[in-house]
Amino acid sequence: MKLLPRTLFGRTALALLAIFLAVQGAAFYVVWKTAVEPLRARSAEDLAARIALAAQTWVELPPVTRPDYEIELSLRHNLELGKVTQPLPTLAPESAFGTLLEQAVLTRTGQEIRVKQGSDPTYSWVELKLADHLLRVGFAKERYELKAPLEAAVVFLAGGLLTLLAVLLLARRISRQLAEVARSAQIVGQGRTPERLPEAGAEEMRQMARAFNRMADEVQKLLENRTVLLSGISHDLRTPITRLRLALSMLDTDDREMVRRMEGDLEEMGRLISEMLDFSRALKGAEITELELSALLGELAADAARAGPVVWHAHEVACKVVVGERALRRIVANLLGNALRYGEGKPVELRLDCDAEAVRIAVLDRGPGIPEAELETVFQPFYRLEGSRARDTGGSGLGLAIVRQLADAYGWHVVLNTRDGGGLCAELLIPRAAPVTRPR
């Protein structure tokens, strides 16, 4: 569902909040129906009984004793009782307690009364007619009108909120640990060495961190063995290829076409081996250094211009970035080589964009381009597009695969996009926050 948060913490927080609100709502409803409303009704019944009894007693007392009785009611029961000639004109604001009191007085006396408001806002008044007397009885709202136990509700809600907060903090901690595992797994997938996960916390988290660290070490050993094996095989193949070339040159045959094809095959094998050696050296690489890219790219553009027209758009200001020089040279050289090889002789552009967040190096050509559906597929080793990437053009199918693997190894990004009007834009993105340790 689109409304659900994407993160584990967000979903956990939403689920806990929904459960908390449901439980608190149910608890509040139960407390209200079983405690607050019955207590409020009982309070209204008791007050109605006192009002009726006080009024009836006042009527039955001798007139000379009535003032003393009124004083006693005021002092001991917070009830103000007296005879009046005109009813109060102002009704009290609607309230649940006032409605209950009106019903309780009607039940006890048979008179329909309304709770009224006088000059003192702390008192409410009820008027009764008994024995040709209009009696007005006032009561202190703070004493008789039962309100919801706010203090208890605050304590109840505070306890629930603290529990929810504690659970959310635990969920946040676990989600951060899982996010760190995900980031480290991504680094391992790019062929780089992540920082070791701390083997601390709950036993399950310690086991996960321990297993991940062991897996990362094994993956790095496999990658190192792969690079060493690749470099060794590529290096050792050069000697027999050289022998084959020498033997071919001394071959006594009249079939020069066959000799030419064999020489072409050996030349292609030599290019493959050279690319593999360059790739393995770039992975091992020199230490990360700070480079001024304008000068380096200008040098690469001049070298590539020997194979075809290259337009280098120099950056106006110095652009310094911390990178692996050997890997960067190999990536840009491969992109320029591809653009020249498949650019149909049209000028290839090399651009540099440098800002505070990232460095972008773009190689643009006006060749046939690559279909949208295959912009990612071409990064697979030995993959060629029909027609423009045919074998007779000299492509080995490893150039872009090497570019992608080198970029991943250093935490960079390579993307291909079609250009308006035809052609291809190959862009290398180097984040300023890219890893500053070379891959192993």
Protein backbone atom coordinates (compact mmCIF):
# COMPACT_ATOMS: atom_id res chain seq x y z
CA MET A 1 0.00 0.00 0.00
CA LYS A 2 1.23 3.46 -0.90
CA LEU A 3 0.07 4.93 2.43
CA LEU A 4 2.32 2.63 4.46
CA PRO A 5 5.78 3.94 5.36
CA ARG A 6 8.64 2.28 3.49
CA THR A 7 11.02 1.88 6.45
CA LEU A 8 10.82 -0.78 9.13
CA PHE A 9 10.80 1.88 11.84
CA GLY A 10 7.98 3.80 10.14
CA ARG A 11 5.82 0.70 9.81
CA THR A 12 6.56 -0.40 13.37
CA ALA A 13 5.77 3.08 14.70
CA LEU A 14 2.50 3.20 12.74
CA ALA A 15 1.44 -0.24 13.97
CA LEU A 16 2.30 0.58 17.59
CA LEU A 17 0.54 3.94 17.38
CA ALA A 18 -2.60 2.31 15.96
CA ILE A 19 -2.57 -0.35 18.70
CA PHE A 20 -1.93 2.31 21.37
CA LEU A 21 -4.83 4.48 20.20
CA ALA A 22 -7.17 1.49 19.96
CA VAL A 23 -6.28 0.23 23.44
CA GLN A 24 -6.43 3.69 25.00
CA GLY A 25 -9.76 4.39 23.32
CA ALA A 26 -11.24 1.10 24.51
CA ALA A 27 -9.91 1.62 28.03
CA PHE A 28 -11.26 5.18 28.15
CA TYR A 29 -14.68 3.99 26.95
CA VAL A 30 -14.82 1.25 29.57
CA VAL A 31 -13.74 3.56 32.40
CA TRP A 32 -16.20 6.23 31.28
CA LYS A 33 -19.14 3.84 31.09
CA THR A 34 -18.39 1.83 34.24
CA ALA A 35 -17.03 4.56 36.53
CA VAL A 36 -17.41 8.17 35.44
CA GLU A 37 -21.03 8.12 34.24
CA PRO A 38 -22.35 6.07 37.22
CA LEU A 39 -20.52 8.34 39.69
CA ARG A 40 -21.88 11.46 37.96
CA ALA A 41 -25.42 10.08 38.02
CA ARG A 42 -25.06 9.14 41.71
CA SER A 43 -23.76 12.62 42.53
CA ALA A 44 -26.76 14.21 40.76
CA GLU A 45 -29.15 11.89 42.65
CA ASP A 46 -27.58 12.78 46.00
CA LEU A 47 -27.73 16.52 45.27
CA ALA A 48 -31.35 16.27 44.14
CA ALA A 49 -32.19 14.44 47.37
CA ARG A 50 -30.49 17.15 49.45
CA ILE A 51 -32.23 19.95 47.58
CA ALA A 52 -35.64 18.32 47.98
CA LEU A 53 -35.06 17.56 51.66
CA ALA A 54 -33.69 21.03 52.39
CA ALA A 55 -36.65 22.73 50.68
CA GLN A 56 -39.22 20.50 52.41
CA THR A 57 -37.57 21.02 55.80
CA TRP A 58 -37.53 24.83 55.28
CA VAL A 59 -41.27 24.84 54.56
CA GLU A 60 -42.08 22.79 57.67
CA LEU A 61 -39.93 24.88 60.06
CA PRO A 62 -41.37 27.80 62.01
CA PRO A 63 -40.58 31.12 60.33
CA VAL A 64 -38.39 32.27 63.24
CA THR A 65 -36.03 29.30 62.86
CA ARG A 66 -35.68 29.44 59.09
CA PRO A 67 -32.77 31.96 59.03
CA ASP A 68 -30.70 29.76 61.32
CA TYR A 69 -31.47 26.75 59.16
CA GLU A 70 -30.34 28.62 56.06
CA ILE A 71 -27.04 29.52 57.74
CA GLU A 72 -26.50 25.91 58.77
CA LEU A 73 -27.10 24.69 55.19
CA SER A 74 -24.57 27.18 53.88
CA LEU A 75 -21.87 26.36 56.40
CA ARG A 76 -22.19 22.59 56.53
CA HIS A 77 -23.45 21.63 53.07
CA ASN A 78 -22.54 24.54 50.76
CA LEU A 79 -26.22 25.00 49.92
CA GLU A 80 -27.75 28.46 49.71
CA LEU A 81 -31.51 28.40 50.41
CA GLY A 82 -33.93 31.30 50.48
CA LYS A 83 -37.37 32.49 49.52
CA VAL A 84 -37.62 34.70 46.42
CA THR A 85 -40.37 36.52 44.58
CA GLN A 86 -39.03 36.40 41.00
CA PRO A 87 -37.25 33.53 39.22
CA LEU A 88 -33.78 33.99 37.78
CA PRO A 89 -33.87 34.90 34.08
CA THR A 90 -30.59 33.26 33.01
CA LEU A 91 -30.24 29.55 32.36
CA ALA A 92 -26.97 27.80 33.17
CA PRO A 93 -24.91 26.51 30.24
CA GLU A 94 -25.84 23.04 29.04
CA SER A 95 -23.93 20.28 30.84
CA ALA A 96 -24.29 16.55 31.39
CA PHE A 97 -24.45 17.02 35.17
CA GLY A 98 -27.12 19.71 34.86
CA THR A 99 -29.31 17.44 32.74
CA LEU A 100 -28.94 14.59 35.22
CA LEU A 101 -29.82 16.93 38.12
CA GLU A 102 -32.96 18.23 36.37
CA GLN A 103 -34.13 14.64 35.77
CA ALA A 104 -33.36 13.63 39.37
CA VAL A 105 -35.28 16.61 40.84
CA LEU A 106 -38.23 15.85 38.53
CA THR A 107 -38.26 12.25 39.74
CA ARG A 108 -38.20 13.26 43.42
CA THR A 109 -40.50 16.32 43.43
CA GLY A 110 -42.54 15.98 40.26
CA GLN A 111 -41.54 19.52 39.27
CA GLU A 112 -39.81 20.34 36.01
CA ILE A 113 -36.96 22.65 36.87
CA ARG A 114 -34.04 24.22 35.00
CA VAL A 115 -30.57 24.83 36.38
CA LYS A 116 -29.93 28.58 36.30
CA GLN A 117 -26.98 30.94 36.54
CA GLY A 118 -26.74 33.83 39.00
CA SER A 119 -24.24 36.61 39.57
CA ASP A 120 -21.74 34.25 41.21
CA PRO A 121 -20.28 31.96 38.49
CA THR A 122 -19.19 29.39 41.09
CA TYR A 123 -22.81 28.63 42.04
CA SER A 124 -25.72 27.15 40.12
CA TRP A 125 -29.37 27.56 41.20
CA VAL A 126 -32.55 25.51 41.27
CA GLU A 127 -36.01 26.97 41.96
CA LEU A 128 -38.87 24.99 43.56
CA LYS A 129 -42.46 25.86 44.45
CA LEU A 130 -43.59 24.43 47.79
CA ALA A 131 -46.64 25.52 49.84
CA ASP A 132 -47.05 28.76 47.90
CA HIS A 133 -43.37 29.59 48.38
CA LEU A 134 -40.83 30.04 45.58
CA LEU A 135 -37.62 28.68 47.01
CA ARG A 136 -34.23 29.09 45.38
CA VAL A 137 -31.50 26.59 46.25
CA GLY A 138 -27.89 27.22 45.17
CA PHE A 139 -25.03 24.73 45.25
CA ALA A 140 -21.26 25.09 44.77
CA LYS A 141 -20.36 23.52 41.45
CA GLU A 142 -16.87 22.57 42.59
CA ARG A 143 -18.30 20.45 45.42
CA TYR A 144 -21.26 18.77 43.80
CA GLU A 145 -20.67 18.69 40.06
CA LEU A 146 -18.53 15.61 39.41
CA LYS A 147 -15.98 16.09 36.64
CA ALA A 148 -13.95 13.49 34.85
CA PRO A 149 -10.91 12.47 36.91
CA LEU A 150 -8.41 14.41 34.77
CA GLU A 151 -5.47 13.66 37.01
CA ALA A 152 -6.05 9.93 36.71
CA ALA A 153 -6.50 10.24 32.95
CA VAL A 154 -3.23 12.18 32.67
CA VAL A 155 -1.36 9.55 34.66
CA PHE A 156 -2.95 6.78 32.60
CA LEU A 157 -2.07 8.42 29.30
CA ALA A 158 1.42 9.36 30.46
CA GLY A 159 2.14 5.75 31.39
CA GLY A 160 0.89 4.57 28.02
CA LEU A 161 2.90 7.19 26.16
CA LEU A 162 6.09 6.33 28.03
CA THR A 163 5.57 2.67 27.19
CA LEU A 164 4.99 3.55 23.54
CA LEU A 165 8.09 5.77 23.51
CA ALA A 166 10.24 3.02 25.01
CA VAL A 167 9.01 0.51 22.41
CA LEU A 168 9.63 2.99 19.59
CA LEU A 169 13.16 3.64 20.81
CA LEU A 170 13.86 -0.09 20.79
CA ALA A 171 12.35 -0.40 17.32
CA ARG A 172 14.44 2.56 16.16
CA ARG A 173 17.60 0.95 17.47
CA ILE A 174 16.86 -2.34 15.72
CA SER A 175 15.93 -0.61 12.45
CA ARG A 176 19.19 1.35 12.52
CA GLN A 177 21.17 -1.84 13.03
CA LEU A 178 19.35 -3.49 10.11
CA ALA A 179 19.91 -0.39 7.96
CA GLU A 180 23.63 -0.58 8.77
CA VAL A 181 23.66 -4.23 7.74
CA ALA A 182 21.93 -3.28 4.46
CA ARG A 183 24.48 -0.52 3.76
CA SER A 184 27.37 -2.86 4.51
CA ALA A 185 25.85 -5.55 2.28
CA GLN A 186 25.63 -3.01 -0.55
CA ILE A 187 29.31 -2.14 -0.07
CA VAL A 188 30.22 -5.85 -0.15
CA GLY A 189 28.17 -6.25 -3.33
CA GLN A 190 30.24 -3.49 -4.93
CA GLY A 191 33.45 -5.36 -4.14
CA ARG A 192 34.58 -3.01 -1.38
CA THR A 193 35.38 -3.70 2.25
CA PRO A 194 32.86 -2.25 4.73
CA GLU A 195 33.60 -1.34 8.30
CA ARG A 196 33.07 -4.31 10.58
CA LEU A 197 29.69 -4.36 12.27
CA PRO A 198 29.88 -4.05 16.07
CA GLU A 199 29.16 -7.39 17.67
CA ALA A 200 27.17 -5.98 20.57
CA GLY A 201 23.61 -5.83 21.87
CA ALA A 202 21.14 -8.70 22.08
CA GLU A 203 22.35 -12.21 21.35
CA GLU A 204 20.45 -12.38 18.06
CA MET A 205 21.98 -9.08 16.86
CA ARG A 206 25.46 -10.24 17.91
CA GLN A 207 25.02 -13.47 15.95
CA MET A 208 23.84 -11.56 12.89
CA ALA A 209 26.77 -9.12 13.05
CA ARG A 210 29.24 -11.96 13.62
CA ALA A 211 27.88 -13.94 10.66
CA PHE A 212 27.89 -10.88 8.42
CA ASN A 213 31.47 -9.96 9.30
CA ARG A 214 32.55 -13.53 8.58
CA MET A 215 30.71 -13.47 5.24
CA ALA A 216 32.26 -10.11 4.30
CA ASP A 217 35.74 -11.45 5.04
CA GLU A 218 35.13 -14.54 2.91
CA VAL A 219 33.77 -12.45 0.04
CA GLN A 220 36.83 -10.21 0.14
CA LYS A 221 39.11 -13.24 0.06
CA LEU A 222 37.24 -14.58 -2.96
CA LEU A 223 37.50 -11.23 -4.73
CA GLU A 224 41.22 -10.99 -3.97
CA ASN A 225 41.74 -14.53 -5.26
CA ARG A 226 39.75 -13.69 -8.38
CA THR A 227 41.88 -10.62 -9.08
CA VAL A 228 45.13 -12.48 -8.46
CA LEU A 229 43.99 -15.40 -10.61
CA LEU A 230 42.85 -13.09 -13.40
CA SER A 231 46.08 -11.15 -13.33
CA GLY A 232 48.20 -14.32 -13.26
CA ILE A 233 46.39 -16.02 -16.12
CA SER A 234 46.42 -12.87 -18.25
CA HIS A 235 50.11 -12.35 -17.61
CA ASP A 236 51.02 -15.99 -18.29
CA LEU A 237 49.07 -16.04 -21.57
CA ARG A 238 51.24 -13.33 -23.07
CA THR A 239 54.22 -15.66 -23.49
CA PRO A 240 52.45 -18.37 -25.56
CA ILE A 241 50.73 -15.68 -27.64
CA THR A 242 54.08 -14.13 -28.41
CA ARG A 243 55.40 -17.56 -29.41
CA LEU A 244 52.39 -18.09 -31.67
CA ARG A 245 52.98 -14.74 -33.35
CA LEU A 246 56.63 -15.61 -33.93
CA ALA A 247 55.75 -19.05 -35.29
CA LEU A 248 53.08 -17.54 -37.52
CA SER A 249 55.52 -15.04 -38.95
CA MET A 250 57.90 -17.90 -39.82
CA LEU A 251 55.16 -20.07 -41.28
CA ASP A 252 55.85 -21.02 -44.88
CA THR A 253 52.46 -20.97 -46.62
CA ASP A 254 50.86 -19.40 -49.64
CA ASP A 255 47.51 -18.89 -47.90
CA ARG A 256 48.10 -15.28 -46.76
CA GLU A 257 44.39 -14.80 -46.00
CA MET A 258 44.47 -17.55 -43.37
CA VAL A 259 47.62 -16.04 -41.87
CA ARG A 260 45.96 -12.65 -41.74
CA ARG A 261 42.92 -14.06 -39.91
CA MET A 262 45.11 -15.90 -37.44
CA GLU A 263 47.11 -12.73 -36.80
CA GLY A 264 43.81 -10.90 -36.21
CA ASP A 265 42.72 -13.54 -33.70
CA LEU A 266 46.01 -13.25 -31.85
CA GLU A 267 45.70 -9.47 -31.86
CA GLU A 268 42.23 -9.73 -30.34
CA MET A 269 43.49 -12.16 -27.71
CA GLY A 270 46.25 -9.68 -26.89
CA ARG A 271 43.71 -6.87 -26.45
CA LEU A 272 41.59 -9.02 -24.15
CA ILE A 273 44.61 -9.90 -22.04
CA SER A 274 45.71 -6.26 -21.88
CA GLU A 275 42.25 -5.22 -20.73
CA MET A 276 42.21 -7.91 -18.05
CA LEU A 277 45.63 -6.83 -16.79
CA ASP A 278 44.54 -3.18 -16.72
CA PHE A 279 41.39 -4.17 -14.88
CA SER A 280 43.24 -6.18 -12.23
CA ARG A 281 45.81 -3.38 -11.74
CA ALA A 282 43.02 -0.82 -11.34
CA LEU A 283 41.29 -2.97 -8.74
CA LYS A 284 44.50 -3.30 -6.78
CA GLY A 285 45.15 0.33 -7.56
CA ALA A 286 47.36 2.91 -5.99
CA GLU A 287 46.35 4.69 -2.85
CA ILE A 288 43.53 7.21 -3.08
CA THR A 289 44.91 10.66 -3.92
CA GLU A 290 43.56 14.15 -4.50
CA LEU A 291 43.62 15.04 -8.20
CA GLU A 292 42.90 18.12 -10.24
CA LEU A 293 40.53 16.66 -12.82
CA SER A 294 40.75 19.35 -15.49
CA ALA A 295 44.40 18.55 -16.18
CA LEU A 296 43.88 14.77 -16.04
CA LEU A 297 40.86 14.83 -18.37
CA GLY A 298 42.64 17.16 -20.76
CA GLU A 299 45.47 14.64 -20.97
CA LEU A 300 43.03 11.76 -21.59
CA ALA A 301 41.21 13.78 -24.26
CA ALA A 302 44.51 14.48 -26.03
CA ASP A 303 45.42 10.79 -25.98
CA ALA A 304 41.99 9.76 -27.30
CA ALA A 305 42.15 12.40 -30.05
CA ARG A 306 44.73 10.25 -31.85
CA ALA A 307 41.90 7.85 -32.73
CA GLY A 308 39.32 10.46 -33.72
CA PRO A 309 37.94 13.97 -33.07
CA VAL A 310 37.48 14.77 -29.38
CA VAL A 311 36.10 18.07 -28.08
CA TRP A 312 37.21 18.74 -24.50
CA HIS A 313 35.11 21.29 -22.62
CA ALA A 314 37.57 22.43 -19.96
CA HIS A 315 36.16 23.42 -16.58
CA GLU A 316 36.45 27.11 -15.77
CA VAL A 317 37.78 26.60 -12.22
CA ALA A 318 39.97 23.96 -10.64
CA CYS A 319 38.09 20.78 -9.75
CA LYS A 320 39.84 18.73 -7.08
CA VAL A 321 38.51 15.40 -5.85
CA VAL A 322 39.88 12.44 -3.91
CA VAL A 323 39.86 9.41 -6.25
CA GLY A 324 41.80 6.35 -7.39
CA GLU A 325 43.75 7.69 -10.35
CA ARG A 326 44.37 4.40 -12.16
CA ALA A 327 40.69 3.40 -11.99
CA LEU A 328 39.53 6.85 -13.12
CA ARG A 329 41.91 6.82 -16.07
CA ARG A 330 40.73 3.37 -17.14
CA ILE A 331 37.03 4.31 -16.88
CA VAL A 332 37.32 7.56 -18.87
CA ALA A 333 39.63 5.96 -21.45
CA ASN A 334 37.16 3.11 -22.00
CA LEU A 335 34.22 5.50 -22.36
CA LEU A 336 36.13 7.67 -24.81
CA GLY A 337 37.27 4.60 -26.75
CA ASN A 338 33.71 3.30 -27.04
CA ALA A 339 32.41 6.70 -28.13
CA LEU A 340 35.09 7.02 -30.83
CA ARG A 341 34.67 3.43 -32.02
CA TYR A 342 30.90 3.65 -32.42
CA GLY A 343 30.49 7.40 -33.00
CA GLU A 344 30.59 7.05 -36.81
CA GLY A 345 33.45 9.49 -37.11
CA LYS A 346 31.55 12.40 -35.54
CA PRO A 347 33.22 14.52 -32.83
CA VAL A 348 33.03 13.11 -29.29
CA GLU A 349 32.52 15.57 -26.42
CA LEU A 350 34.13 15.27 -22.98
CA ARG A 351 32.58 17.42 -20.25
CA LEU A 352 33.27 18.02 -16.57
CA ASP A 353 30.75 19.36 -14.08
CA CYS A 354 32.04 20.02 -10.57
CA ASP A 355 29.98 21.14 -7.55
CA ALA A 356 29.98 20.76 -3.78
CA GLU A 357 28.08 17.45 -3.79
CA ALA A 358 29.48 15.49 -6.72
CA VAL A 359 31.70 15.48 -9.79
CA ARG A 360 30.15 14.49 -13.13
CA ILE A 361 32.21 13.43 -16.12
CA ALA A 362 30.21 13.00 -19.33
CA VAL A 363 31.25 11.48 -22.66
CA LEU A 364 28.82 12.25 -25.48
CA ASP A 365 28.74 10.89 -29.01
CA ARG A 366 26.44 11.09 -32.04
CA GLY A 367 26.57 7.43 -33.03
CA PRO A 368 23.64 5.02 -33.41
CA GLY A 369 23.14 4.91 -29.66
CA ILE A 370 21.77 2.02 -27.60
CA PRO A 371 18.10 0.96 -27.32
CA GLU A 372 16.48 1.95 -24.02
CA ALA A 373 15.84 -1.70 -23.10
CA GLU A 374 19.56 -2.53 -23.32
CA LEU A 375 21.12 0.46 -21.52
CA GLU A 376 21.84 -1.77 -18.50
CA THR A 377 22.41 -5.02 -20.36
CA VAL A 378 25.49 -3.66 -22.15
CA PHE A 379 27.34 -3.59 -18.82
CA GLN A 380 27.38 -7.40 -18.78
CA PRO A 381 30.75 -8.97 -19.71
CA PHE A 382 31.15 -10.01 -23.37
CA TYR A 383 27.74 -8.60 -24.30
CA ARG A 384 27.57 -7.02 -27.76
CA LEU A 385 24.77 -5.29 -29.58
CA GLU A 386 24.06 -6.56 -33.04
CA GLY A 387 25.23 -4.26 -35.82
CA SER A 388 26.94 -1.39 -34.05
CA ARG A 389 28.79 -3.73 -31.63
CA ALA A 390 29.81 -6.41 -34.13
CA ARG A 391 33.05 -8.29 -33.68
CA ASP A 392 34.66 -6.79 -36.76
CA THR A 393 34.57 -3.31 -35.22
CA GLY A 394 37.17 -4.47 -32.70
CA GLY A 395 35.00 -4.48 -29.57
CA SER A 396 35.65 -7.22 -27.03
CA GLY A 397 32.47 -6.75 -24.98
CA LEU A 398 34.48 -6.05 -21.81
CA GLY A 399 34.91 -2.29 -21.95
CA LEU A 400 31.66 -1.27 -20.25
CA ALA A 401 31.76 -4.27 -17.89
CA ILE A 402 35.17 -3.10 -16.66
CA VAL A 403 33.85 0.45 -16.35
CA ARG A 404 30.91 -0.68 -14.18
CA GLN A 405 32.97 -2.95 -11.94
CA LEU A 406 35.64 -0.31 -11.36
CA ALA A 407 33.02 2.32 -10.61
CA ASP A 408 31.22 0.03 -8.15
CA ALA A 409 34.48 -0.85 -6.47
CA TYR A 410 35.14 2.82 -5.69
CA GLY A 411 31.55 3.79 -4.84
CA TRP A 412 30.99 5.71 -8.08
CA HIS A 413 28.06 5.48 -10.49
CA VAL A 414 27.98 5.04 -14.26
CA VAL A 415 24.80 5.61 -16.26
CA LEU A 416 24.03 5.59 -19.97
CA ASN A 417 21.33 7.77 -21.52
CA THR A 418 20.18 8.32 -25.09
CA ARG A 419 20.58 11.85 -26.47
CA ASP A 420 18.00 13.94 -28.25
CA GLY A 421 18.87 13.88 -31.91
CA GLY A 422 20.68 10.55 -31.64
CA GLY A 423 23.76 9.32 -29.85
CA LEU A 424 24.69 8.33 -26.34
CA CYS A 425 25.65 10.12 -23.12
CA ALA A 426 27.83 8.10 -20.74
CA GLU A 427 28.11 9.82 -17.35
CA LEU A 428 30.40 8.99 -14.44
CA LEU A 429 29.18 10.36 -11.12
CA ILE A 430 31.72 10.65 -8.29
CA PRO A 431 30.01 11.68 -5.02
CA ARG A 432 32.04 13.89 -2.73
CA ALA A 433 31.09 11.49 0.06
CA ALA A 434 32.44 8.49 -1.87
CA PRO A 435 34.59 6.00 0.08
CA VAL A 436 38.11 7.27 0.64
CA THR A 437 39.70 3.83 0.96
CA ARG A 438 40.64 1.88 -2.12
CA PRO A 439 39.06 -1.55 -2.73
CA ARG A 440 40.98 -4.66 -1.81
